[in-house]
Amino acid sequence: MSSKRNSSPDNHIYYMDQALSLAKINQGLTGENPSVGCVLVKKDQIISSGVTGINGRPHAEVNAINNSKEKVNGSTLYVTLEPCNHYGKTPPCTNLIKKKKIVKKIFIYEKSKSNVSKIKKLRLPGIVIDNLDKGAINYDLIIFCTPMSEYKNLILKINNFITPKTLITDIGSSKVETSRLIKKFLKKNISWTQSHPIAGSEVSGPEHGKENMFQDRWCILIKEKNTKKKYLDILNNFWKKMGSKVIVMTPEKHDRIFSITSHLPHLIAYNLVKSAQDFEKKQNYDLIKFSAGGLRDFSRIAASNEIMWRLSLIHI
């Protein structure tokens, strides 16, 4: 199976359609397992494909890899069901995928020398860059994982070299303000579809990342008047492969919900803990020592990075 196409976001949909068509071939013949389709793409060309075997084995990913007449390292795998990661009657497909190095390149733009050091020390996947244009040209997806106070500067930087080929998303928690920044500063004909994965905790930094962080967590995709369905589909597939449950809503509805469920609790927690600290200092009491679970829960929330919340709290 071979098909050459020019690289564009539309191709993600095309390749997934090919995988879905393959999945129909063995429907009803795969026993207790679903019939899954898989295609391998390298340099914008399908180099191999596979479907779940009769009675459910081998799995589609294994068949696609074994069917390939070319080296599969550096290729992209499109599969209609997330690859298994457990031992059953066959080993996990993820072991084979990892062994064959079927990954896209990940570029990380990080200004903090401390975080760069941690990323390298932990040997996290990805290439750390100090010049943004090295990582943004010719790549399919850029994810803004930064405080909103940095959005304007980063948008102005990427405007110099980004092309319509690249889809942008973010993980910020204030969507109306993000929409305003995009409309005001992002150059025309560039697609930015907003995301908000509801994951993480009060701690931040590379050392606190978890492989299953997004598993069974909600991820909100933002739909505006000019949002194209194909980009929602791409991000829906991306976040689902990360383990998330995906829902779509407007920026206004998003901000109304999270002003109550997230921003307001943080604002209250910051003020409560600061009041307790000021009281301790003024009265010379060891107040925190006598706190029960309630205050400790507030102090946990207040321990999160204030820089990440500063702009969001201004706009609730």
Protein backbone atom coordinates (compact mmCIF):
# COMPACT_ATOMS: atom_id res chain seq x y z
CA MET A 1 0.00 0.00 0.00
CA SER A 2 1.62 3.23 -1.08
CA SER A 3 0.21 6.74 -1.31
CA LYS A 4 2.18 9.97 -1.65
CA ARG A 5 0.62 13.25 -0.49
CA ASN A 6 1.85 16.75 0.24
CA SER A 7 2.15 17.43 3.97
CA SER A 8 -0.78 19.33 5.48
CA PRO A 9 -3.14 19.07 8.47
CA ASP A 10 -5.75 17.56 6.09
CA ASN A 11 -3.50 14.54 5.68
CA HIS A 12 -4.03 13.49 9.29
CA ILE A 13 -7.72 13.05 8.47
CA TYR A 14 -6.88 11.26 5.20
CA TYR A 15 -4.54 8.77 6.88
CA MET A 16 -7.03 8.12 9.69
CA ASP A 17 -9.73 7.53 7.05
CA GLN A 18 -7.46 4.93 5.45
CA ALA A 19 -6.99 3.23 8.82
CA LEU A 20 -10.76 3.27 9.44
CA SER A 21 -11.38 1.68 6.04
CA LEU A 22 -8.91 -1.09 6.88
CA ALA A 23 -10.63 -1.72 10.22
CA LYS A 24 -13.85 -2.65 8.38
CA ILE A 25 -12.17 -5.54 6.54
CA ASN A 26 -12.19 -7.99 9.45
CA GLN A 27 -15.23 -6.73 11.33
CA GLY A 28 -16.97 -9.65 13.04
CA LEU A 29 -13.95 -11.95 12.51
CA THR A 30 -11.68 -10.83 15.37
CA GLY A 31 -13.28 -12.63 18.31
CA GLU A 32 -13.40 -10.64 21.55
CA ASN A 33 -11.05 -8.00 20.17
CA PRO A 34 -12.24 -5.09 17.99
CA SER A 35 -11.15 -4.97 14.38
CA VAL A 36 -8.48 -2.25 14.21
CA GLY A 37 -6.87 -0.61 11.20
CA CYS A 38 -3.36 0.85 11.10
CA VAL A 39 -1.21 2.67 8.54
CA LEU A 40 2.44 3.70 8.77
CA VAL A 41 3.40 6.99 7.14
CA LYS A 42 6.93 8.15 6.38
CA LYS A 43 7.85 11.27 4.43
CA ASP A 44 4.20 11.85 3.54
CA GLN A 45 3.88 8.36 2.06
CA ILE A 46 2.03 5.30 3.39
CA ILE A 47 4.73 2.63 3.60
CA SER A 48 2.69 -0.14 5.21
CA SER A 49 -0.67 -1.07 6.65
CA GLY A 50 -2.25 -3.70 8.83
CA VAL A 51 -5.54 -4.92 10.26
CA THR A 52 -6.32 -7.05 13.30
CA GLY A 53 -5.89 -10.72 12.43
CA ILE A 54 -8.62 -13.38 12.38
CA ASN A 55 -9.68 -14.24 15.95
CA GLY A 56 -8.01 -11.05 17.17
CA ARG A 57 -4.30 -11.73 16.69
CA PRO A 58 -1.83 -10.43 15.67
CA HIS A 59 -2.89 -6.86 16.40
CA ALA A 60 -3.06 -4.30 13.59
CA GLU A 61 0.04 -2.39 14.71
CA VAL A 62 2.15 -5.55 14.73
CA ASN A 63 0.91 -6.53 11.28
CA ALA A 64 1.62 -3.06 9.88
CA ILE A 65 5.16 -3.06 11.25
CA ASN A 66 5.89 -6.60 10.10
CA ASN A 67 4.39 -5.96 6.65
CA SER A 68 6.65 -2.99 5.98
CA LYS A 69 9.39 -3.49 3.40
CA GLU A 70 11.08 -0.30 4.58
CA LYS A 71 12.65 0.67 7.88
CA VAL A 72 9.84 2.04 10.05
CA ASN A 73 11.92 4.13 12.44
CA GLY A 74 10.93 7.80 12.21
CA SER A 75 7.52 7.02 10.73
CA THR A 76 4.12 8.05 12.06
CA LEU A 77 1.57 5.45 13.09
CA TYR A 78 -2.15 6.09 12.51
CA VAL A 79 -4.29 3.56 14.35
CA THR A 80 -8.03 3.43 15.06
CA LEU A 81 -7.58 2.28 18.67
CA GLU A 82 -4.89 3.18 21.18
CA PRO A 83 -2.07 0.56 21.15
CA CYS A 84 -2.33 -1.92 24.03
CA ASN A 85 0.11 -1.55 26.94
CA HIS A 86 -0.48 -4.77 28.85
CA TYR A 87 0.52 -8.42 28.68
CA GLY A 88 -2.26 -10.76 27.58
CA LYS A 89 -1.92 -13.60 25.12
CA THR A 90 0.52 -11.39 23.22
CA PRO A 91 3.08 -8.79 24.42
CA PRO A 92 2.06 -5.09 24.50
CA CYS A 93 2.02 -3.37 21.11
CA THR A 94 3.64 -0.34 22.79
CA ASN A 95 6.80 -2.38 23.37
CA LEU A 96 7.15 -3.02 19.65
CA ILE A 97 6.31 0.58 18.76
CA LYS A 98 8.93 1.85 21.22
CA LYS A 99 11.49 -0.66 19.98
CA LYS A 100 10.93 0.44 16.38
CA LYS A 101 11.18 4.12 17.43
CA ILE A 102 7.90 5.17 15.82
CA VAL A 103 7.85 8.69 17.20
CA LYS A 104 7.73 12.18 15.83
CA LYS A 105 10.43 14.63 16.77
CA ILE A 106 9.52 16.78 19.75
CA PHE A 107 11.11 20.21 20.12
CA ILE A 108 10.94 21.99 23.47
CA TYR A 109 11.46 25.74 23.69
CA GLU A 110 12.32 26.46 27.32
CA LYS A 111 13.82 29.71 28.64
CA SER A 112 14.45 28.48 32.19
CA LYS A 113 17.98 27.11 32.52
CA SER A 114 16.84 25.19 35.57
CA ASN A 115 14.07 23.42 33.63
CA VAL A 116 16.41 22.72 30.71
CA SER A 117 18.81 21.06 33.14
CA LYS A 118 15.99 18.97 34.62
CA ILE A 119 14.74 17.89 31.18
CA LYS A 120 18.20 16.72 30.18
CA LYS A 121 18.87 15.05 33.53
CA LEU A 122 15.57 13.14 33.38
CA ARG A 123 16.29 12.21 29.74
CA LEU A 124 12.81 13.23 28.73
CA PRO A 125 11.88 12.78 25.05
CA GLY A 126 12.37 15.86 22.95
CA ILE A 127 15.08 18.19 21.74
CA VAL A 128 15.53 21.35 23.80
CA ILE A 129 16.07 24.46 21.69
CA ASP A 130 16.99 28.01 22.65
CA ASN A 131 15.83 29.58 19.38
CA LEU A 132 12.11 29.25 18.71
CA ASP A 133 12.27 29.22 14.92
CA LYS A 134 14.35 26.03 14.99
CA GLY A 135 11.37 24.11 16.32
CA ALA A 136 8.40 25.76 14.67
CA ILE A 137 9.20 25.61 10.98
CA ASN A 138 7.71 22.61 9.12
CA TYR A 139 6.03 21.09 12.16
CA ASP A 140 2.43 19.98 12.36
CA LEU A 141 1.50 21.11 15.86
CA ILE A 142 2.70 23.73 18.35
CA ILE A 143 1.38 23.57 21.92
CA PHE A 144 1.67 26.67 24.12
CA CYS A 145 2.45 25.33 27.62
CA THR A 146 3.31 28.63 29.23
CA PRO A 147 1.76 31.31 31.47
CA MET A 148 -0.67 33.51 29.54
CA SER A 149 1.50 36.52 30.33
CA GLU A 150 3.98 35.07 27.79
CA TYR A 151 1.49 34.54 24.96
CA LYS A 152 1.88 37.94 23.29
CA ASN A 153 5.69 37.75 23.13
CA LEU A 154 5.65 34.19 21.82
CA ILE A 155 3.00 34.97 19.20
CA LEU A 156 5.05 37.89 17.92
CA LYS A 157 8.12 35.64 17.70
CA ILE A 158 6.45 32.82 15.76
CA ASN A 159 4.76 35.29 13.39
CA ASN A 160 8.16 35.71 11.71
CA PHE A 161 8.35 32.17 10.37
CA ILE A 162 5.20 30.13 11.01
CA THR A 163 3.24 28.90 7.98
CA PRO A 164 -0.41 27.87 7.48
CA LYS A 165 0.78 24.24 7.56
CA THR A 166 1.14 24.38 11.36
CA LEU A 167 -1.76 24.06 13.77
CA ILE A 168 -1.40 25.84 17.14
CA THR A 169 -3.12 24.96 20.38
CA ASP A 170 -2.59 25.82 24.04
CA ILE A 171 -3.42 24.51 27.51
CA GLY A 172 -4.41 27.80 29.16
CA SER A 173 -7.38 28.16 31.50
CA SER A 174 -8.79 31.51 30.34
CA LYS A 175 -10.13 31.24 26.81
CA VAL A 176 -11.86 34.57 26.16
CA GLU A 177 -8.60 36.39 26.87
CA THR A 178 -6.65 33.94 24.72
CA SER A 179 -9.08 34.56 21.85
CA ARG A 180 -8.49 38.29 22.20
CA LEU A 181 -4.71 37.85 22.07
CA ILE A 182 -4.92 35.55 19.04
CA LYS A 183 -7.15 37.94 17.09
CA LYS A 184 -5.00 40.94 17.96
CA PHE A 185 -1.47 39.57 17.49
CA LEU A 186 -1.42 36.32 15.46
CA LYS A 187 -0.85 36.87 11.76
CA LYS A 188 -3.62 36.00 9.34
CA ASN A 189 -4.19 32.53 7.83
CA ILE A 190 -2.68 30.75 10.86
CA SER A 191 -4.92 28.25 12.66
CA TRP A 192 -5.08 28.27 16.46
CA THR A 193 -7.68 25.99 18.07
CA GLN A 194 -7.66 26.21 21.85
CA SER A 195 -7.42 23.27 24.27
CA HIS A 196 -7.67 22.98 28.05
CA PRO A 197 -6.70 19.60 29.54
CA ILE A 198 -8.03 19.37 33.11
CA ALA A 199 -5.03 17.66 34.65
CA GLY A 200 -1.95 18.39 36.72
CA SER A 201 -1.69 19.41 40.34
CA GLU A 202 -0.32 22.15 42.58
CA VAL A 203 3.26 21.25 41.63
CA SER A 204 4.94 22.19 38.36
CA GLY A 205 8.12 21.52 36.44
CA PRO A 206 9.55 18.69 34.32
CA GLU A 207 10.20 16.50 37.37
CA HIS A 208 6.49 16.36 38.18
CA GLY A 209 5.31 15.14 34.78
CA LYS A 210 3.47 11.82 34.71
CA GLU A 211 3.05 9.39 31.85
CA ASN A 212 -0.65 8.93 32.68
CA MET A 213 -1.37 12.58 33.55
CA PHE A 214 -4.20 12.92 31.03
CA GLN A 215 -5.68 9.46 31.45
CA ASP A 216 -9.48 9.65 31.96
CA ARG A 217 -9.26 13.44 32.49
CA TRP A 218 -11.43 15.93 30.65
CA CYS A 219 -9.95 18.05 27.89
CA ILE A 220 -11.96 21.03 26.63
CA LEU A 221 -11.69 22.04 22.97
CA ILE A 222 -12.83 25.56 22.11
CA LYS A 223 -15.09 26.17 19.15
CA GLU A 224 -15.50 29.71 17.85
CA LYS A 225 -17.28 31.06 14.76
CA ASN A 226 -14.21 30.61 12.55
CA THR A 227 -13.01 27.29 14.02
CA LYS A 228 -12.66 24.63 11.33
CA LYS A 229 -14.02 21.15 12.02
CA LYS A 230 -10.89 19.47 10.63
CA TYR A 231 -8.74 21.10 13.32
CA LEU A 232 -11.17 20.10 16.06
CA ASP A 233 -10.96 16.54 14.68
CA ILE A 234 -7.15 16.57 14.74
CA LEU A 235 -7.02 17.80 18.34
CA ASN A 236 -9.84 15.50 19.40
CA ASN A 237 -7.80 12.55 18.11
CA PHE A 238 -4.60 13.88 19.70
CA TRP A 239 -6.05 14.32 23.19
CA LYS A 240 -7.92 11.02 23.08
CA LYS A 241 -4.66 9.26 22.26
CA MET A 242 -3.24 10.95 25.37
CA GLY A 243 -6.05 9.29 27.32
CA SER A 244 -8.36 12.28 27.71
CA LYS A 245 -12.14 12.50 27.47
CA VAL A 246 -12.88 15.35 25.05
CA ILE A 247 -15.74 17.84 24.99
CA VAL A 248 -16.26 20.96 22.84
CA MET A 249 -17.63 24.31 24.06
CA THR A 250 -17.45 28.05 23.42
CA PRO A 251 -14.81 30.22 25.14
CA GLU A 252 -17.53 32.08 27.04
CA LYS A 253 -19.08 28.89 28.44
CA HIS A 254 -15.62 27.55 29.31
CA ASP A 255 -14.67 30.66 31.27
CA ARG A 256 -17.98 30.76 33.15
CA ILE A 257 -17.51 27.15 34.27
CA PHE A 258 -13.87 27.42 35.29
CA SER A 259 -14.24 30.78 37.00
CA ILE A 260 -16.32 28.88 39.58
CA THR A 261 -14.70 25.44 39.60
CA SER A 262 -11.05 26.50 39.34
CA HIS A 263 -10.19 30.22 39.39
CA LEU A 264 -12.36 31.22 42.35
CA PRO A 265 -11.11 28.37 44.60
CA HIS A 266 -7.52 29.41 43.82
CA LEU A 267 -8.26 33.05 44.59
CA ILE A 268 -9.88 32.11 47.91
CA ALA A 269 -7.03 29.74 48.79
CA TYR A 270 -4.33 32.35 48.10
CA ASN A 271 -6.10 34.92 50.26
CA LEU A 272 -6.85 32.50 53.09
CA VAL A 273 -3.30 31.18 53.33
CA LYS A 274 -1.83 34.70 53.08
CA SER A 275 -4.18 35.85 55.88
CA ALA A 276 -3.08 32.90 58.04
CA GLN A 277 0.59 33.71 57.42
CA ASP A 278 0.06 37.40 58.25
CA PHE A 279 -1.85 36.45 61.40
CA GLU A 280 0.97 34.16 62.52
CA LYS A 281 3.52 36.90 62.00
CA LYS A 282 1.47 39.62 63.69
CA GLN A 283 0.28 37.60 66.70
CA ASN A 284 3.35 35.39 66.99
CA TYR A 285 1.13 32.28 67.00
CA ASP A 286 2.07 28.94 65.45
CA LEU A 287 -1.27 28.88 63.66
CA ILE A 288 -0.52 26.39 60.88
CA LYS A 289 0.57 23.80 63.43
CA PHE A 290 -3.00 23.56 64.72
CA SER A 291 -4.68 23.40 61.32
CA ALA A 292 -6.84 20.41 60.40
CA GLY A 293 -7.60 18.95 56.97
CA GLY A 294 -9.63 21.94 55.76
CA LEU A 295 -6.84 24.50 55.92
CA ARG A 296 -4.34 21.98 54.62
CA ASP A 297 -6.49 21.44 51.52
CA PHE A 298 -6.53 25.20 50.95
CA SER A 299 -2.76 25.42 51.48
CA ARG A 300 -2.24 22.66 48.89
CA ILE A 301 -4.18 24.68 46.30
CA ALA A 302 -2.35 27.87 47.26
CA ALA A 303 0.99 26.11 46.74
CA SER A 304 0.52 26.13 42.95
CA ASN A 305 2.66 28.44 40.85
CA GLU A 306 1.14 31.93 41.08
CA ILE A 307 2.68 32.96 37.74
CA MET A 308 0.52 30.37 35.99
CA TRP A 309 -2.63 31.87 37.51
CA ARG A 310 -1.90 35.59 37.62
CA LEU A 311 -3.43 36.59 34.27
CA SER A 312 -6.30 34.10 34.51
CA LEU A 313 -7.39 35.50 37.87
CA ILE A 314 -7.38 39.03 36.51
CA HIS A 315 -9.95 38.04 33.89
CA ILE A 316 -12.47 36.00 35.90
